[in-house]
Amino acid sequence: MIGGRVLLTGGTGFVGRAILAKLLDDGREVLAFTSGGEPDLRHPKLEWRRFDLLRAEEEDLGVTLGGEGLSHCIHAAWYTNHADYLVHEVNREWVSASLRLHDAFIAAGGRRFVGIGTCIEYGSGANERPCREYQTPLRPYTLYGECKVALFRALEARGGGFAWARIFFVYGPGDRDGRLVPYILSAFARGEEAGPNTGGLRRDFIHVEDLALQIVRIADSGVQGAINTGTGAAVTISEIFETAADLYGRPELARANADMGQGQPLLIEADLTRFRRDVGEPATRSLRDGLAELVRAQR
């Protein structure tokens, strides 16, 4: 169990909001950084502080973090604009900013730093077997993936109480328009047909609240280095369309196919062997249950 105050970055983002909610539900005290306006969420154990990690020097971080009694840091902030996050040059700046944050946090007496990685780090190393930490090669084919790998390796070289939670494909409340699941639900809610381009590809989709629970459990644990998060049960992209259409009572709206496309891994699925061994059994809901909650909320 996290014993001290938690520093959370990215607390206004899709994944960060779910992590924040989980921490507060557990009764943790949280200091959350925001680079924008004052967020709406208020809680007696939550303090928001405006702080721009990209522009802050390590000295600024030291002044800000010193004396705050922080024991854990969950670093969920990054550039996430869906249109260009895979290729934007600001990814390089986030590597440097994240290392400054880590070093200042440790210098201020922090004990446990949890970075957020991505299955995109595996890239072309993913194949027809689940991705496994320290076995599946890291072969990112995007700048975003390359920068996440660079940060992981730099943190690993520093040692200490460091964990790297690799997340796979996330959906749930608060997801942005234009991403896969919001697009599917919006189309079917309007009674429009929709289908994937490569419906035969298999991907590991996890509900954001289940992911948040896994990340907090990783922070609570003593696990070191890279550890996968996810469901360990990939589905085809077509299954997502078919399940959602069925939940709307309009199965005919899903234009499913088994196309694989070219140049993409056929399977991107989390091997959760390490999670089960070092953290415990991961609680996850089925895709159908997770989508059903979103359909009910939309209606």
C-alpha atoms as a PDB file:
ATOM      1  CA  MET A   1       0.000   0.000   0.000  1.00  0.00           C
ATOM      2  CA  ILE A   2       1.251   3.469  -0.922  1.00  0.00           C
ATOM      3  CA  GLY A   3       2.169   5.029   2.394  1.00  0.00           C
ATOM      4  CA  GLY A   4       2.920   8.667   1.642  1.00  0.00           C
ATOM      5  CA  ARG A   5       1.701  11.432  -0.592  1.00  0.00           C
ATOM      6  CA  VAL A   6       1.545  10.651  -4.313  1.00  0.00           C
ATOM      7  CA  LEU A   7       2.722  12.954  -7.099  1.00  0.00           C
ATOM      8  CA  LEU A   8       0.642  12.422 -10.234  1.00  0.00           C
ATOM      9  CA  THR A   9       1.420  14.022 -13.579  1.00  0.00           C
ATOM     10  CA  GLY A  10      -1.064  13.967 -16.431  1.00  0.00           C
ATOM     11  CA  GLY A  11      -3.996  13.899 -14.028  1.00  0.00           C
ATOM     12  CA  THR A  12      -6.303  15.655 -16.501  1.00  0.00           C
ATOM     13  CA  GLY A  13      -5.636  13.170 -19.310  1.00  0.00           C
ATOM     14  CA  PHE A  14      -7.665  10.118 -20.285  1.00  0.00           C
ATOM     15  CA  VAL A  15      -5.575   7.592 -18.350  1.00  0.00           C
ATOM     16  CA  GLY A  16      -4.433  10.082 -15.706  1.00  0.00           C
ATOM     17  CA  ARG A  17      -7.998  10.944 -14.673  1.00  0.00           C
ATOM     18  CA  ALA A  18      -8.750   7.285 -14.054  1.00  0.00           C
ATOM     19  CA  ILE A  19      -5.549   6.878 -12.005  1.00  0.00           C
ATOM     20  CA  LEU A  20      -6.437   9.967  -9.980  1.00  0.00           C
ATOM     21  CA  ALA A  21      -9.936   8.657  -9.273  1.00  0.00           C
ATOM     22  CA  LYS A  22      -8.525   5.335  -8.111  1.00  0.00           C
ATOM     23  CA  LEU A  23      -5.978   6.982  -5.811  1.00  0.00           C
ATOM     24  CA  LEU A  24      -8.630   9.179  -4.219  1.00  0.00           C
ATOM     25  CA  ASP A  25     -11.057   6.273  -3.865  1.00  0.00           C
ATOM     26  CA  ASP A  26      -8.312   4.467  -1.957  1.00  0.00           C
ATOM     27  CA  GLY A  27      -7.898   7.413   0.403  1.00  0.00           C
ATOM     28  CA  ARG A  28      -4.466   8.478  -0.877  1.00  0.00           C
ATOM     29  CA  GLU A  29      -3.221  12.061  -0.649  1.00  0.00           C
ATOM     30  CA  VAL A  30      -2.362  13.362  -4.118  1.00  0.00           C
ATOM     31  CA  LEU A  31      -0.395  16.313  -5.470  1.00  0.00           C
ATOM     32  CA  ALA A  32      -1.359  16.610  -9.144  1.00  0.00           C
ATOM     33  CA  PHE A  33       0.442  18.757 -11.700  1.00  0.00           C
ATOM     34  CA  THR A  34      -1.503  20.553 -14.427  1.00  0.00           C
ATOM     35  CA  SER A  35      -0.031  22.751 -17.154  1.00  0.00           C
ATOM     36  CA  GLY A  36      -3.394  24.206 -18.171  1.00  0.00           C
ATOM     37  CA  GLY A  37      -6.275  25.827 -16.335  1.00  0.00           C
ATOM     38  CA  GLU A  38      -7.611  24.846 -12.939  1.00  0.00           C
ATOM     39  CA  PRO A  39      -9.373  21.458 -13.219  1.00  0.00           C
ATOM     40  CA  ASP A  40     -12.947  21.051 -11.987  1.00  0.00           C
ATOM     41  CA  LEU A  41     -12.291  18.107  -9.685  1.00  0.00           C
ATOM     42  CA  ARG A  42     -12.089  19.005  -5.997  1.00  0.00           C
ATOM     43  CA  HIS A  43     -11.302  16.640  -3.153  1.00  0.00           C
ATOM     44  CA  PRO A  44     -10.015  17.181   0.396  1.00  0.00           C
ATOM     45  CA  LYS A  45      -7.023  14.921  -0.277  1.00  0.00           C
ATOM     46  CA  LEU A  46      -6.185  16.420  -3.681  1.00  0.00           C
ATOM     47  CA  GLU A  47      -4.009  19.454  -4.387  1.00  0.00           C
ATOM     48  CA  TRP A  48      -3.726  20.750  -7.942  1.00  0.00           C
ATOM     49  CA  ARG A  49      -0.584  22.698  -8.790  1.00  0.00           C
ATOM     50  CA  ARG A  50       0.023  24.472 -12.086  1.00  0.00           C
ATOM     51  CA  PHE A  51       3.391  23.351 -13.382  1.00  0.00           C
ATOM     52  CA  ASP A  52       4.775  23.038 -16.915  1.00  0.00           C
ATOM     53  CA  LEU A  53       7.100  20.027 -16.957  1.00  0.00           C
ATOM     54  CA  LEU A  54       8.428  20.756 -20.439  1.00  0.00           C
ATOM     55  CA  ARG A  55       9.715  24.196 -19.468  1.00  0.00           C
ATOM     56  CA  ALA A  56      10.771  23.511 -15.898  1.00  0.00           C
ATOM     57  CA  GLU A  57      14.433  23.124 -15.014  1.00  0.00           C
ATOM     58  CA  GLU A  58      15.539  20.602 -12.404  1.00  0.00           C
ATOM     59  CA  GLU A  59      16.111  23.446  -9.942  1.00  0.00           C
ATOM     60  CA  ASP A  60      12.461  24.533 -10.370  1.00  0.00           C
ATOM     61  CA  LEU A  61      11.349  20.965  -9.760  1.00  0.00           C
ATOM     62  CA  GLY A  62      13.522  20.711  -6.680  1.00  0.00           C
ATOM     63  CA  VAL A  63      11.936  23.814  -5.154  1.00  0.00           C
ATOM     64  CA  THR A  64       8.435  22.593  -6.030  1.00  0.00           C
ATOM     65  CA  LEU A  65       8.875  19.029  -4.731  1.00  0.00           C
ATOM     66  CA  GLY A  66      11.019  19.733  -1.683  1.00  0.00           C
ATOM     67  CA  GLY A  67       9.249  19.368   1.637  1.00  0.00           C
ATOM     68  CA  GLU A  68       6.080  17.904   0.109  1.00  0.00           C
ATOM     69  CA  GLY A  69       6.455  14.498   1.762  1.00  0.00           C
ATOM     70  CA  LEU A  70       6.134  12.658  -1.547  1.00  0.00           C
ATOM     71  CA  SER A  71       6.770   8.921  -1.452  1.00  0.00           C
ATOM     72  CA  HIS A  72       5.500   7.887  -4.909  1.00  0.00           C
ATOM     73  CA  CYS A  73       5.315   9.438  -8.345  1.00  0.00           C
ATOM     74  CA  ILE A  74       3.093   8.131 -11.148  1.00  0.00           C
ATOM     75  CA  HIS A  75       4.209   9.941 -14.282  1.00  0.00           C
ATOM     76  CA  ALA A  76       1.325   9.803 -16.768  1.00  0.00           C
ATOM     77  CA  ALA A  77       1.949  13.097 -18.570  1.00  0.00           C
ATOM     78  CA  TRP A  78       3.029  13.072 -22.232  1.00  0.00           C
ATOM     79  CA  TYR A  79       2.002  14.528 -25.578  1.00  0.00           C
ATOM     80  CA  THR A  80      -1.151  12.688 -26.664  1.00  0.00           C
ATOM     81  CA  ASN A  81      -2.725  14.609 -29.566  1.00  0.00           C
ATOM     82  CA  HIS A  82      -4.284  11.742 -31.514  1.00  0.00           C
ATOM     83  CA  ALA A  83      -3.533  13.351 -34.877  1.00  0.00           C
ATOM     84  CA  ASP A  84       0.259  13.374 -34.586  1.00  0.00           C
ATOM     85  CA  TYR A  85       1.481  11.994 -31.255  1.00  0.00           C
ATOM     86  CA  LEU A  86       3.296   9.158 -33.024  1.00  0.00           C
ATOM     87  CA  VAL A  87       5.538  11.508 -35.026  1.00  0.00           C
ATOM     88  CA  HIS A  88       5.666  14.883 -33.249  1.00  0.00           C
ATOM     89  CA  GLU A  89       9.142  16.135 -32.346  1.00  0.00           C
ATOM     90  CA  VAL A  90       7.926  17.143 -28.871  1.00  0.00           C
ATOM     91  CA  ASN A  91       8.291  13.470 -27.927  1.00  0.00           C
ATOM     92  CA  ARG A  92      12.044  14.111 -27.643  1.00  0.00           C
ATOM     93  CA  GLU A  93      11.430  16.974 -25.214  1.00  0.00           C
ATOM     94  CA  TRP A  94       9.295  14.710 -23.053  1.00  0.00           C
ATOM     95  CA  VAL A  95      12.208  12.315 -22.595  1.00  0.00           C
ATOM     96  CA  SER A  96      14.379  15.079 -21.125  1.00  0.00           C
ATOM     97  CA  ALA A  97      11.541  16.535 -19.066  1.00  0.00           C
ATOM     98  CA  SER A  98      10.716  13.118 -17.620  1.00  0.00           C
ATOM     99  CA  LEU A  99      14.304  12.490 -16.595  1.00  0.00           C
ATOM    100  CA  ARG A 100      14.450  15.879 -14.867  1.00  0.00           C
ATOM    101  CA  LEU A 101      11.244  14.998 -13.027  1.00  0.00           C
ATOM    102  CA  HIS A 102      12.600  11.616 -11.933  1.00  0.00           C
ATOM    103  CA  ASP A 103      15.905  13.025 -10.696  1.00  0.00           C
ATOM    104  CA  ALA A 104      14.255  15.872  -8.789  1.00  0.00           C
ATOM    105  CA  PHE A 105      11.690  13.517  -7.266  1.00  0.00           C
ATOM    106  CA  ILE A 106      14.403  11.158  -5.991  1.00  0.00           C
ATOM    107  CA  ALA A 107      16.502  14.086  -4.726  1.00  0.00           C
ATOM    108  CA  ALA A 108      13.449  15.322  -2.786  1.00  0.00           C
ATOM    109  CA  GLY A 109      13.215  11.988  -0.953  1.00  0.00           C
ATOM    110  CA  GLY A 110      10.801  10.152  -3.252  1.00  0.00           C
ATOM    111  CA  ARG A 111      11.026   6.364  -3.080  1.00  0.00           C
ATOM    112  CA  ARG A 112       8.957   4.932  -5.916  1.00  0.00           C
ATOM    113  CA  PHE A 113       8.766   6.241  -9.501  1.00  0.00           C
ATOM    114  CA  VAL A 114       6.314   4.661 -11.952  1.00  0.00           C
ATOM    115  CA  GLY A 115       6.674   5.615 -15.613  1.00  0.00           C
ATOM    116  CA  ILE A 116       4.008   4.889 -18.214  1.00  0.00           C
ATOM    117  CA  GLY A 117       5.228   2.997 -21.248  1.00  0.00           C
ATOM    118  CA  THR A 118       3.407   1.605 -24.269  1.00  0.00           C
ATOM    119  CA  CYS A 119       3.021  -1.576 -26.265  1.00  0.00           C
ATOM    120  CA  ILE A 120       4.237   0.494 -29.229  1.00  0.00           C
ATOM    121  CA  GLU A 121       7.712   0.010 -27.761  1.00  0.00           C
ATOM    122  CA  TYR A 122       7.499  -3.597 -28.965  1.00  0.00           C
ATOM    123  CA  GLY A 123       6.632  -2.372 -32.461  1.00  0.00           C
ATOM    124  CA  SER A 124       7.804  -4.807 -35.084  1.00  0.00           C
ATOM    125  CA  GLY A 125       9.035  -7.052 -32.276  1.00  0.00           C
ATOM    126  CA  ALA A 126       5.401  -8.038 -31.695  1.00  0.00           C
ATOM    127  CA  ASN A 127       4.480 -11.144 -33.664  1.00  0.00           C
ATOM    128  CA  GLU A 128       2.082 -14.049 -33.286  1.00  0.00           C
ATOM    129  CA  ARG A 129       2.924 -14.506 -29.601  1.00  0.00           C
ATOM    130  CA  PRO A 130       1.965 -12.258 -26.671  1.00  0.00           C
ATOM    131  CA  CYS A 131       4.475  -9.516 -25.876  1.00  0.00           C
ATOM    132  CA  ARG A 132       6.633 -10.466 -22.899  1.00  0.00           C
ATOM    133  CA  GLU A 133       8.922  -8.145 -20.966  1.00  0.00           C
ATOM    134  CA  TYR A 134      12.652  -8.685 -21.600  1.00  0.00           C
ATOM    135  CA  GLN A 135      11.898 -11.391 -24.197  1.00  0.00           C
ATOM    136  CA  THR A 136       9.930  -9.721 -26.977  1.00  0.00           C
ATOM    137  CA  PRO A 137      12.394  -7.374 -28.736  1.00  0.00           C
ATOM    138  CA  LEU A 138      11.869  -3.629 -28.458  1.00  0.00           C
ATOM    139  CA  ARG A 139      11.657  -2.496 -32.088  1.00  0.00           C
ATOM    140  CA  PRO A 140       9.568   0.689 -32.189  1.00  0.00           C
ATOM    141  CA  TYR A 141       8.781   2.037 -35.654  1.00  0.00           C
ATOM    142  CA  THR A 142       7.478   5.453 -34.568  1.00  0.00           C
ATOM    143  CA  LEU A 143       9.184   8.412 -32.908  1.00  0.00           C
ATOM    144  CA  TYR A 144       6.765   8.098 -29.989  1.00  0.00           C
ATOM    145  CA  GLY A 145       7.800   4.490 -29.439  1.00  0.00           C
ATOM    146  CA  GLU A 146      11.484   5.312 -29.826  1.00  0.00           C
ATOM    147  CA  CYS A 147      11.257   8.057 -27.204  1.00  0.00           C
ATOM    148  CA  LYS A 148       9.404   5.840 -24.749  1.00  0.00           C
ATOM    149  CA  VAL A 149      12.125   3.192 -25.149  1.00  0.00           C
ATOM    150  CA  ALA A 150      14.823   5.846 -24.678  1.00  0.00           C
ATOM    151  CA  LEU A 151      13.208   7.012 -21.438  1.00  0.00           C
ATOM    152  CA  PHE A 152      12.759   3.451 -20.183  1.00  0.00           C
ATOM    153  CA  ARG A 153      16.427   2.639 -20.777  1.00  0.00           C
ATOM    154  CA  ALA A 154      17.622   5.880 -19.181  1.00  0.00           C
ATOM    155  CA  LEU A 155      15.508   5.262 -16.075  1.00  0.00           C
ATOM    156  CA  GLU A 156      16.625   1.655 -15.918  1.00  0.00           C
ATOM    157  CA  ALA A 157      20.249   2.804 -15.959  1.00  0.00           C
ATOM    158  CA  ARG A 158      19.529   5.060 -12.971  1.00  0.00           C
ATOM    159  CA  GLY A 159      18.241   2.123 -10.896  1.00  0.00           C
ATOM    160  CA  GLY A 160      16.341   2.668  -7.666  1.00  0.00           C
ATOM    161  CA  GLY A 161      12.640   2.213  -7.023  1.00  0.00           C
ATOM    162  CA  PHE A 162      11.585   2.378 -10.631  1.00  0.00           C
ATOM    163  CA  ALA A 163       8.780   0.571 -12.459  1.00  0.00           C
ATOM    164  CA  TRP A 164       7.689   0.938 -16.084  1.00  0.00           C
ATOM    165  CA  ALA A 165       4.045   0.079 -16.745  1.00  0.00           C
ATOM    166  CA  ARG A 166       3.591  -0.775 -20.425  1.00  0.00           C
ATOM    167  CA  ILE A 167      -0.003  -0.110 -21.422  1.00  0.00           C
ATOM    168  CA  PHE A 168      -1.707  -1.648 -24.433  1.00  0.00           C
ATOM    169  CA  PHE A 169      -4.958  -0.436 -26.042  1.00  0.00           C
ATOM    170  CA  VAL A 170      -7.262   1.555 -23.778  1.00  0.00           C
ATOM    171  CA  TYR A 171     -10.939   2.477 -24.002  1.00  0.00           C
ATOM    172  CA  GLY A 172     -13.551   3.744 -21.588  1.00  0.00           C
ATOM    173  CA  PRO A 173     -15.302   6.860 -20.284  1.00  0.00           C
ATOM    174  CA  GLY A 174     -13.504  10.071 -21.185  1.00  0.00           C
ATOM    175  CA  ASP A 175     -11.932   8.669 -24.363  1.00  0.00           C
ATOM    176  CA  ARG A 176     -11.457  11.272 -27.094  1.00  0.00           C
ATOM    177  CA  ASP A 177     -13.585  11.611 -30.212  1.00  0.00           C
ATOM    178  CA  GLY A 178     -11.833  10.147 -33.223  1.00  0.00           C
ATOM    179  CA  ARG A 179     -10.340   7.189 -31.407  1.00  0.00           C
ATOM    180  CA  LEU A 180     -11.585   3.731 -32.299  1.00  0.00           C
ATOM    181  CA  VAL A 181     -14.205   2.947 -29.647  1.00  0.00           C
ATOM    182  CA  PRO A 182     -15.798   6.442 -29.552  1.00  0.00           C
ATOM    183  CA  TYR A 183     -15.985   6.345 -33.359  1.00  0.00           C
ATOM    184  CA  ILE A 184     -17.721   2.946 -33.316  1.00  0.00           C
ATOM    185  CA  LEU A 185     -20.245   3.930 -30.658  1.00  0.00           C
ATOM    186  CA  SER A 186     -21.048   7.247 -32.324  1.00  0.00           C
ATOM    187  CA  ALA A 187     -21.676   5.581 -35.688  1.00  0.00           C
ATOM    188  CA  PHE A 188     -23.947   2.882 -34.291  1.00  0.00           C
ATOM    189  CA  ALA A 189     -25.818   5.362 -32.083  1.00  0.00           C
ATOM    190  CA  ARG A 190     -26.713   7.214 -35.300  1.00  0.00           C
ATOM    191  CA  GLY A 191     -27.787   3.985 -36.947  1.00  0.00           C
ATOM    192  CA  GLU A 192     -24.917   4.092 -39.440  1.00  0.00           C
ATOM    193  CA  GLU A 193     -22.954   1.113 -40.713  1.00  0.00           C
ATOM    194  CA  ALA A 194     -19.272   0.966 -39.783  1.00  0.00           C
ATOM    195  CA  GLY A 195     -16.416  -1.483 -40.059  1.00  0.00           C
ATOM    196  CA  PRO A 196     -12.638  -1.701 -39.724  1.00  0.00           C
ATOM    197  CA  ASN A 197     -10.052  -1.627 -42.501  1.00  0.00           C
ATOM    198  CA  THR A 198      -8.093  -4.511 -40.961  1.00  0.00           C
ATOM    199  CA  GLY A 199     -10.646  -6.429 -38.945  1.00  0.00           C
ATOM    200  CA  GLY A 200      -8.529  -9.550 -38.569  1.00  0.00           C
ATOM    201  CA  LEU A 201      -5.775  -7.907 -36.503  1.00  0.00           C
ATOM    202  CA  ARG A 202      -5.883  -8.901 -32.830  1.00  0.00           C
ATOM    203  CA  ARG A 203      -5.299  -6.293 -30.143  1.00  0.00           C
ATOM    204  CA  ASP A 204      -5.413  -6.264 -26.335  1.00  0.00           C
ATOM    205  CA  PHE A 205      -8.052  -3.689 -25.266  1.00  0.00           C
ATOM    206  CA  ILE A 206      -8.403  -2.824 -21.579  1.00  0.00           C
ATOM    207  CA  HIS A 207     -11.008  -0.651 -19.871  1.00  0.00           C
ATOM    208  CA  VAL A 208      -9.357   2.500 -18.516  1.00  0.00           C
ATOM    209  CA  GLU A 209     -10.610   1.897 -14.965  1.00  0.00           C
ATOM    210  CA  ASP A 210      -9.097  -1.596 -14.950  1.00  0.00           C
ATOM    211  CA  LEU A 211      -5.854  -0.125 -16.275  1.00  0.00           C
ATOM    212  CA  ALA A 212      -5.819   2.501 -13.523  1.00  0.00           C
ATOM    213  CA  LEU A 213      -6.229  -0.210 -10.889  1.00  0.00           C
ATOM    214  CA  GLN A 214      -3.344  -2.173 -12.399  1.00  0.00           C
ATOM    215  CA  ILE A 215      -1.074   0.886 -12.427  1.00  0.00           C
ATOM    216  CA  VAL A 216      -1.850   1.747  -8.799  1.00  0.00           C
ATOM    217  CA  ARG A 217      -1.197  -1.865  -7.814  1.00  0.00           C
ATOM    218  CA  ILE A 218       2.163  -1.693  -9.596  1.00  0.00           C
ATOM    219  CA  ALA A 219       2.983   1.470  -7.632  1.00  0.00           C
ATOM    220  CA  ASP A 220       2.042  -0.339  -4.412  1.00  0.00           C
ATOM    221  CA  SER A 221       4.232  -3.319  -5.268  1.00  0.00           C
ATOM    222  CA  GLY A 222       7.979  -3.693  -5.218  1.00  0.00           C
ATOM    223  CA  VAL A 223       8.261  -4.755  -8.858  1.00  0.00           C
ATOM    224  CA  GLN A 224      11.238  -3.236 -10.674  1.00  0.00           C
ATOM    225  CA  GLY A 225      11.617  -2.394 -14.362  1.00  0.00           C
ATOM    226  CA  ALA A 226       9.200  -3.133 -17.178  1.00  0.00           C
ATOM    227  CA  ILE A 227       5.861  -4.784 -16.503  1.00  0.00           C
ATOM    228  CA  ASN A 228       2.941  -5.220 -18.884  1.00  0.00           C
ATOM    229  CA  THR A 229      -0.594  -4.111 -18.155  1.00  0.00           C
ATOM    230  CA  GLY A 230      -3.633  -5.301 -20.103  1.00  0.00           C
ATOM    231  CA  THR A 231      -6.114  -8.157 -20.236  1.00  0.00           C
ATOM    232  CA  GLY A 232      -3.956 -10.869 -21.779  1.00  0.00           C
ATOM    233  CA  ALA A 233      -6.903 -11.665 -24.070  1.00  0.00           C
ATOM    234  CA  ALA A 234      -6.649  -9.919 -27.431  1.00  0.00           C
ATOM    235  CA  VAL A 235      -9.717  -9.607 -29.647  1.00  0.00           C
ATOM    236  CA  THR A 236      -9.979  -8.954 -33.355  1.00  0.00           C
ATOM    237  CA  ILE A 237     -10.842  -5.431 -34.390  1.00  0.00           C
ATOM    238  CA  SER A 238     -13.939  -6.853 -36.075  1.00  0.00           C
ATOM    239  CA  GLU A 239     -15.084  -8.299 -32.736  1.00  0.00           C
ATOM    240  CA  ILE A 240     -15.204  -4.798 -31.262  1.00  0.00           C
ATOM    241  CA  PHE A 241     -17.489  -3.613 -34.051  1.00  0.00           C
ATOM    242  CA  GLU A 242     -19.655  -6.732 -33.842  1.00  0.00           C
ATOM    243  CA  THR A 243     -19.995  -6.587 -30.052  1.00  0.00           C
ATOM    244  CA  ALA A 244     -20.906  -2.912 -30.060  1.00  0.00           C
ATOM    245  CA  ALA A 245     -23.477  -3.352 -32.843  1.00  0.00           C
ATOM    246  CA  ASP A 246     -25.050  -6.246 -30.970  1.00  0.00           C
ATOM    247  CA  LEU A 247     -25.299  -4.146 -27.794  1.00  0.00           C
ATOM    248  CA  TYR A 248     -27.249  -1.536 -29.761  1.00  0.00           C
ATOM    249  CA  GLY A 249     -29.534  -4.287 -31.010  1.00  0.00           C
ATOM    250  CA  ARG A 250     -28.371  -3.637 -34.574  1.00  0.00           C
ATOM    251  CA  PRO A 251     -25.893  -6.409 -35.461  1.00  0.00           C
ATOM    252  CA  GLU A 252     -26.384  -5.715 -39.162  1.00  0.00           C
ATOM    253  CA  LEU A 253     -24.585  -2.356 -38.778  1.00  0.00           C
ATOM    254  CA  ALA A 254     -21.182  -4.009 -38.216  1.00  0.00           C
ATOM    255  CA  ARG A 255     -19.272  -4.560 -41.455  1.00  0.00           C
ATOM    256  CA  ALA A 256     -16.815  -7.126 -40.133  1.00  0.00           C
ATOM    257  CA  ASN A 257     -13.908  -8.551 -42.113  1.00  0.00           C
ATOM    258  CA  ALA A 258     -10.837 -10.695 -41.552  1.00  0.00           C
ATOM    259  CA  ASP A 259      -8.367  -8.482 -43.432  1.00  0.00           C
ATOM    260  CA  MET A 260      -4.841  -8.322 -41.998  1.00  0.00           C
ATOM    261  CA  GLY A 261      -3.374  -5.504 -44.055  1.00  0.00           C
ATOM    262  CA  GLN A 262       0.359  -5.334 -44.604  1.00  0.00           C
ATOM    263  CA  GLY A 263       3.267  -4.459 -42.363  1.00  0.00           C
ATOM    264  CA  GLN A 264       1.400  -4.580 -39.059  1.00  0.00           C
ATOM    265  CA  PRO A 265       1.824  -7.179 -36.300  1.00  0.00           C
ATOM    266  CA  LEU A 266      -1.003  -9.701 -36.440  1.00  0.00           C
ATOM    267  CA  LEU A 267      -1.155  -9.884 -32.647  1.00  0.00           C
ATOM    268  CA  ILE A 268      -0.399  -7.279 -29.985  1.00  0.00           C
ATOM    269  CA  GLU A 269      -1.333  -8.850 -26.667  1.00  0.00           C
ATOM    270  CA  ALA A 270       0.092  -8.432 -23.174  1.00  0.00           C
ATOM    271  CA  ASP A 271       1.750 -11.428 -21.602  1.00  0.00           C
ATOM    272  CA  LEU A 272       0.751 -10.978 -17.957  1.00  0.00           C
ATOM    273  CA  THR A 273       2.960 -13.707 -16.480  1.00  0.00           C
ATOM    274  CA  ARG A 274       5.113 -11.163 -14.656  1.00  0.00           C
ATOM    275  CA  PHE A 275       2.128  -9.180 -13.420  1.00  0.00           C
ATOM    276  CA  ARG A 276       0.552 -12.306 -11.930  1.00  0.00           C
ATOM    277  CA  ARG A 277       3.824 -13.386 -10.328  1.00  0.00           C
ATOM    278  CA  ASP A 278       4.964 -10.035  -8.902  1.00  0.00           C
ATOM    279  CA  VAL A 279       1.738  -8.073  -8.393  1.00  0.00           C
ATOM    280  CA  GLY A 280      -1.173 -10.535  -8.376  1.00  0.00           C
ATOM    281  CA  GLU A 281      -4.118 -11.572 -10.491  1.00  0.00           C
ATOM    282  CA  PRO A 282      -5.164  -8.656 -12.722  1.00  0.00           C
ATOM    283  CA  ALA A 283      -8.862  -7.852 -12.372  1.00  0.00           C
ATOM    284  CA  THR A 284     -10.288  -7.025 -15.797  1.00  0.00           C
ATOM    285  CA  ARG A 285     -13.780  -6.860 -17.253  1.00  0.00           C
ATOM    286  CA  SER A 286     -14.699  -8.479 -20.546  1.00  0.00           C
ATOM    287  CA  LEU A 287     -14.862  -6.384 -23.694  1.00  0.00           C
ATOM    288  CA  ARG A 288     -18.619  -6.932 -23.826  1.00  0.00           C
ATOM    289  CA  ASP A 289     -19.119  -5.740 -20.247  1.00  0.00           C
ATOM    290  CA  GLY A 290     -16.931  -2.689 -20.800  1.00  0.00           C
ATOM    291  CA  LEU A 291     -18.695  -1.707 -24.017  1.00  0.00           C
ATOM    292  CA  ALA A 292     -22.109  -2.322 -22.442  1.00  0.00           C
ATOM    293  CA  GLU A 293     -21.322   0.268 -19.753  1.00  0.00           C
ATOM    294  CA  LEU A 294     -20.426   2.835 -22.428  1.00  0.00           C
ATOM    295  CA  VAL A 295     -23.546   2.104 -24.466  1.00  0.00           C
ATOM    296  CA  ARG A 296     -25.752   2.522 -21.378  1.00  0.00           C
ATOM    297  CA  ALA A 297     -24.045   5.812 -20.533  1.00  0.00           C
ATOM    298  CA  GLN A 298     -24.458   7.089 -24.080  1.00  0.00           C
ATOM    299  CA  ARG A 299     -28.142   6.271 -24.110  1.00  0.00           C
END
